[in-house]
């Protein structure tokens, strides 16, 4: 798996938590940027993997609560904490530890480039989601017409 696969997988996990509305980078990249902030705002405090995960997960859960309906659609609030934990686990393991070698400073330096990939991957996932959904609608409509 290369680095772009890691970003794409993270975007997939993020899309399962909250589906951003519109195309503004701030809204589309929000979960990624908040995860970066959760780690980099610790200002040099070195935490364990478990503590980094908890910090990111907590930040994600609070971010979802703060996001208005104009910024994102949250498909399911039930189990949101487990989804946030999964996102945080992946973020810490694959982004912080693998791509950034466990160095928060490197994460901060790379965050803009990585956010660009997250943005693109999220838009691609959303496009695929709506294409599949529209295809299913057409299929169901055609089946209903045939039944008449």
Protein backbone atom coordinates (compact mmCIF):
# COMPACT_ATOMS: atom_id res chain seq x y z
CA UNK A 1 0.00 0.00 0.00
CA UNK A 2 1.43 3.39 -0.92
CA UNK A 3 0.79 6.75 0.73
CA UNK A 4 -2.08 7.71 -1.58
CA UNK A 5 -3.89 4.50 -0.64
CA UNK A 6 -3.60 5.49 3.00
CA UNK A 7 -5.12 8.90 2.37
CA UNK A 8 -7.90 7.35 0.27
CA UNK A 9 -8.71 4.84 3.00
CA UNK A 10 -8.77 7.61 5.61
CA UNK A 11 -11.14 9.62 3.39
CA UNK A 12 -13.39 6.55 3.13
CA UNK A 13 -13.49 6.26 6.92
CA UNK A 14 -14.21 9.97 7.20
CA UNK A 15 -17.01 9.77 4.62
CA UNK A 16 -18.67 7.06 6.72
CA UNK A 17 -18.67 9.48 9.66
CA UNK A 18 -19.76 12.69 7.93
CA UNK A 19 -20.49 13.45 4.30
CA UNK A 20 -19.40 17.02 3.56
CA UNK A 21 -21.78 19.30 1.68
CA UNK A 22 -20.49 21.50 -1.09
CA UNK A 23 -16.97 21.76 -2.43
CA UNK A 24 -15.36 24.21 -0.03
CA UNK A 25 -12.03 22.79 1.12
CA UNK A 26 -12.72 23.83 4.72
CA UNK A 27 -15.79 21.60 4.92
CA UNK A 28 -14.39 18.70 2.88
CA UNK A 29 -11.05 18.56 4.73
CA UNK A 30 -12.46 19.28 8.20
CA UNK A 31 -12.02 15.83 9.78
CA UNK A 32 -8.47 15.59 8.48
CA UNK A 33 -7.49 19.09 9.61
CA UNK A 34 -9.04 18.60 13.05
CA UNK A 35 -7.08 15.35 13.44
CA UNK A 36 -3.85 17.15 12.57
CA UNK A 37 -4.67 19.90 15.07
CA UNK A 38 -5.43 17.35 17.80
CA UNK A 39 -1.86 16.11 17.54
CA UNK A 40 0.10 19.24 16.64
CA UNK A 41 -1.53 21.47 19.27
CA UNK A 42 -0.01 19.28 21.97
CA UNK A 43 3.15 21.35 21.33
CA UNK A 44 5.82 18.73 21.72
CA UNK A 45 4.19 16.59 24.39
CA UNK A 46 5.04 13.04 23.43
CA UNK A 47 2.07 10.72 24.00
CA UNK A 48 1.55 7.00 23.63
CA UNK A 49 -0.30 5.61 20.62
CA UNK A 50 -3.35 5.07 22.81
CA UNK A 51 -3.31 8.67 24.01
CA UNK A 52 -2.88 10.04 20.47
CA UNK A 53 -5.82 7.90 19.34
CA UNK A 54 -8.00 9.08 22.22
CA UNK A 55 -7.08 12.71 21.51
CA UNK A 56 -7.93 12.41 17.81
CA UNK A 57 -11.13 10.47 18.44
CA UNK A 58 -12.35 12.99 20.99
CA UNK A 59 -11.58 15.85 18.61
CA UNK A 60 -13.47 14.12 15.79
CA UNK A 61 -16.52 13.47 17.97
CA UNK A 62 -16.64 17.09 19.14
CA UNK A 63 -16.15 18.34 15.59
CA UNK A 64 -19.15 16.34 14.40
CA UNK A 65 -21.27 17.89 17.15
CA UNK A 66 -20.08 21.37 16.14
CA UNK A 67 -20.66 20.90 12.42
CA UNK A 68 -23.90 22.39 11.28
CA UNK A 69 -26.28 20.73 8.88
CA UNK A 70 -25.03 23.17 6.26
CA UNK A 71 -21.49 21.69 6.46
CA UNK A 72 -22.08 17.95 6.50
CA UNK A 73 -24.61 15.18 6.58
CA UNK A 74 -24.05 12.66 9.37
CA UNK A 75 -25.59 9.41 8.13
CA UNK A 76 -25.87 7.80 11.53
CA UNK A 77 -25.25 9.25 14.98
CA UNK A 78 -25.60 5.83 16.61
CA UNK A 79 -22.15 4.26 16.84
CA UNK A 80 -20.43 7.51 15.98
CA UNK A 81 -17.92 7.03 18.78
CA UNK A 82 -16.83 3.67 17.33
CA UNK A 83 -16.45 5.21 13.86
CA UNK A 84 -14.43 8.07 15.33
CA UNK A 85 -12.22 5.55 17.14
CA UNK A 86 -11.66 3.65 13.88
CA UNK A 87 -10.79 6.89 12.06
CA UNK A 88 -8.42 7.89 14.89
CA UNK A 89 -6.75 4.45 14.94
CA UNK A 90 -6.13 4.64 11.21
CA UNK A 91 -4.97 8.26 11.37
CA UNK A 92 -2.43 7.59 14.11
CA UNK A 93 -1.19 4.28 12.64
CA UNK A 94 -1.04 5.13 8.94
CA UNK A 95 -0.70 8.90 8.75
CA UNK A 96 1.22 9.91 11.88
CA UNK A 97 3.31 6.77 12.38
CA UNK A 98 3.77 5.41 8.83
CA UNK A 99 3.83 8.50 6.60
CA UNK A 100 5.21 10.96 9.17
CA UNK A 101 7.42 8.52 11.09
CA UNK A 102 5.59 9.27 14.36
CA UNK A 103 6.75 12.91 14.29
CA UNK A 104 4.07 15.55 14.91
CA UNK A 105 6.34 18.23 13.42
CA UNK A 106 6.56 16.31 10.17
CA UNK A 107 2.78 15.86 10.22
CA UNK A 108 2.37 19.62 10.52
CA UNK A 109 4.79 20.23 7.62
CA UNK A 110 3.08 17.68 5.38
CA UNK A 111 -0.49 18.51 6.40
CA UNK A 112 -1.31 20.79 3.44
CA UNK A 113 -0.19 18.25 0.86
CA UNK A 114 -1.90 15.39 2.67
CA UNK A 115 -5.08 17.51 3.02
CA UNK A 116 -5.06 18.01 -0.77
CA UNK A 117 -5.12 14.25 -1.21
CA UNK A 118 -7.86 13.89 1.42
CA UNK A 119 -9.91 16.56 -0.39
CA UNK A 120 -9.57 14.87 -3.76
CA UNK A 121 -10.26 11.38 -2.37
CA UNK A 122 -13.36 12.60 -0.51
CA UNK A 123 -14.79 14.23 -3.64
CA UNK A 124 -14.10 11.04 -5.59
CA UNK A 125 -15.84 8.93 -2.93
CA UNK A 126 -18.82 11.29 -2.92
CA UNK A 127 -19.07 11.19 -6.71
CA UNK A 128 -18.97 7.37 -6.67
CA UNK A 129 -21.56 7.28 -3.86
CA UNK A 130 -24.01 9.47 -5.79
CA UNK A 131 -23.41 7.64 -9.08
CA UNK A 132 -24.23 4.32 -7.40
CA UNK A 133 -27.24 5.79 -5.63
CA UNK A 134 -28.63 7.30 -8.85
CA UNK A 135 -28.01 4.07 -10.71
CA UNK A 136 -29.98 2.16 -8.05
CA UNK A 137 -32.82 4.69 -8.30
CA UNK A 138 -32.96 4.25 -12.07
CA UNK A 139 -32.90 0.47 -11.70
CA UNK A 140 -35.72 0.54 -9.13
CA UNK A 141 -37.73 2.92 -11.30
CA UNK A 142 -37.29 0.66 -14.34
CA UNK A 143 -38.37 -2.39 -12.31
CA UNK A 144 -41.48 -0.56 -11.11
CA UNK A 145 -42.34 0.42 -14.68
CA UNK A 146 -41.96 -3.17 -15.85
CA UNK A 147 -44.29 -4.38 -13.09
CA UNK A 148 -47.09 -2.11 -14.33
